[in-house]
């Protein structure tokens, strides 16, 4: 049976100036924007012990997980240095709305982008056992 093997892309419809939104992600989260307007995130550049993976999940219609965003999605970005990234964000006036929280599989924090989308940041670690 043919099947999905990974996430091929993440696409965000901007509520305003899409180029300014892309520039915000480049400036504050280090996502390199290519000349065509998007980014390519390559697994070999990921330094985590798990060598890169993507989690895919659905949420119940009454979930508060994405709040305070009203979007029907939330993107989780893997990061290589949560403390360093949060320090950079705070220096730029971007405060996390939650976190950092340490879990069995890594450290998480949440911010809002300029369009009001909740963004989950994850510094992975290998789960024990």
Protein backbone atom coordinates (compact mmCIF):
# COMPACT_ATOMS: atom_id res chain seq x y z
CA UNK A 1 0.00 0.00 0.00
CA UNK A 2 1.26 3.47 -0.84
CA UNK A 3 1.59 5.74 2.19
CA UNK A 4 2.80 9.11 3.42
CA UNK A 5 6.46 9.07 4.48
CA UNK A 6 6.91 12.54 5.98
CA UNK A 7 5.96 16.19 5.99
CA UNK A 8 6.78 17.72 2.62
CA UNK A 9 5.94 21.30 3.52
CA UNK A 10 4.27 23.69 5.89
CA UNK A 11 2.27 26.54 4.39
CA UNK A 12 0.91 29.54 6.28
CA UNK A 13 -1.69 31.88 4.82
CA UNK A 14 -0.74 35.30 6.17
CA UNK A 15 -3.34 37.60 7.67
CA UNK A 16 -1.48 40.59 6.23
CA UNK A 17 1.90 41.13 4.59
CA UNK A 18 3.23 37.65 3.83
CA UNK A 19 6.74 38.93 3.08
CA UNK A 20 6.90 40.71 6.44
CA UNK A 21 5.71 37.52 8.16
CA UNK A 22 8.43 35.48 6.40
CA UNK A 23 11.00 38.10 7.41
CA UNK A 24 9.86 37.81 11.06
CA UNK A 25 10.44 34.04 10.98
CA UNK A 26 13.86 34.58 9.41
CA UNK A 27 14.89 37.29 11.89
CA UNK A 28 13.58 35.70 15.07
CA UNK A 29 13.63 31.94 14.45
CA UNK A 30 16.56 31.71 12.04
CA UNK A 31 14.61 30.18 9.16
CA UNK A 32 16.58 31.13 6.05
CA UNK A 33 14.20 32.50 3.42
CA UNK A 34 15.24 31.64 -0.13
CA UNK A 35 14.91 34.04 -3.09
CA UNK A 36 11.63 32.37 -4.11
CA UNK A 37 10.06 33.34 -0.76
CA UNK A 38 10.09 30.08 1.20
CA UNK A 39 12.54 27.99 3.18
CA UNK A 40 13.95 24.49 2.95
CA UNK A 41 14.60 22.77 6.27
CA UNK A 42 16.95 19.83 5.84
CA UNK A 43 17.13 16.94 8.33
CA UNK A 44 20.92 16.49 8.01
CA UNK A 45 21.30 19.96 9.58
CA UNK A 46 19.44 18.82 12.72
CA UNK A 47 21.86 18.10 15.57
CA UNK A 48 19.51 16.20 17.91
CA UNK A 49 20.23 12.62 18.92
CA UNK A 50 17.09 11.36 17.17
CA UNK A 51 18.56 12.50 13.81
CA UNK A 52 15.32 14.27 12.93
CA UNK A 53 11.69 13.28 12.99
CA UNK A 54 8.35 14.98 12.59
CA UNK A 55 5.37 14.41 14.87
CA UNK A 56 1.92 14.44 13.25
CA UNK A 57 -1.26 14.53 15.31
CA UNK A 58 -4.87 15.68 15.34
CA UNK A 59 -6.66 17.51 18.16
CA UNK A 60 -10.25 17.44 19.41
CA UNK A 61 -12.48 20.33 18.27
CA UNK A 62 -12.71 21.69 21.83
CA UNK A 63 -8.93 21.65 22.47
CA UNK A 64 -7.31 24.65 24.13
CA UNK A 65 -3.89 23.47 22.92
CA UNK A 66 -3.68 26.11 20.16
CA UNK A 67 -5.06 28.97 22.32
CA UNK A 68 -4.80 31.90 22.36
CA UNK A 69 -4.55 31.49 18.59
CA UNK A 70 -7.81 30.94 16.72
CA UNK A 71 -6.00 29.12 13.89
CA UNK A 72 -6.87 25.50 13.25
CA UNK A 73 -3.19 24.55 13.18
CA UNK A 74 -0.01 24.98 15.17
CA UNK A 75 3.48 24.37 13.84
CA UNK A 76 6.14 22.81 16.04
CA UNK A 77 9.66 23.91 15.14
CA UNK A 78 12.64 21.87 16.28
CA UNK A 79 15.35 24.08 17.79
CA UNK A 80 18.98 23.35 18.62
CA UNK A 81 19.33 25.63 21.68
CA UNK A 82 16.12 26.53 23.50
CA UNK A 83 17.78 28.72 26.13
CA UNK A 84 19.71 30.61 23.47
CA UNK A 85 16.69 31.07 21.23
CA UNK A 86 14.48 32.26 24.09
CA UNK A 87 17.18 34.76 25.08
CA UNK A 88 17.30 36.07 21.50
CA UNK A 89 13.51 36.33 21.37
CA UNK A 90 13.33 38.16 24.71
CA UNK A 91 16.03 40.59 23.54
CA UNK A 92 13.78 41.32 20.54
CA UNK A 93 10.75 41.91 22.80
CA UNK A 94 9.13 38.53 22.09
CA UNK A 95 8.08 36.86 25.32
CA UNK A 96 7.04 33.22 25.46
CA UNK A 97 3.38 32.75 26.32
CA UNK A 98 4.32 29.49 28.07
CA UNK A 99 7.49 27.61 28.90
CA UNK A 100 10.11 26.51 28.81
CA UNK A 101 8.61 23.21 29.99
CA UNK A 102 10.75 20.09 30.25
CA UNK A 103 9.09 16.83 29.21
CA UNK A 104 10.29 13.25 28.75
CA UNK A 105 11.17 13.98 25.12
CA UNK A 106 12.59 17.48 25.35
CA UNK A 107 12.01 21.11 26.20
CA UNK A 108 9.05 23.10 24.88
CA UNK A 109 8.12 26.78 24.75
CA UNK A 110 5.37 28.68 22.94
CA UNK A 111 5.31 32.11 21.29
CA UNK A 112 2.91 33.99 19.02
CA UNK A 113 3.88 35.15 15.54
CA UNK A 114 2.80 38.59 14.23
CA UNK A 115 -0.31 37.07 12.62
CA UNK A 116 -1.51 35.63 15.95
CA UNK A 117 -0.51 32.03 15.25
CA UNK A 118 0.75 30.05 18.23
CA UNK A 119 4.19 28.60 17.50
CA UNK A 120 5.54 25.65 19.45
CA UNK A 121 9.31 25.41 19.89
CA UNK A 122 10.85 22.04 20.74
CA UNK A 123 14.40 21.14 21.69
CA UNK A 124 14.25 17.34 21.38
CA UNK A 125 16.01 14.77 23.51
CA UNK A 126 15.94 11.02 23.25
CA UNK A 127 13.19 9.61 25.49
CA UNK A 128 14.59 7.37 28.18
CA UNK A 129 13.90 3.67 27.82
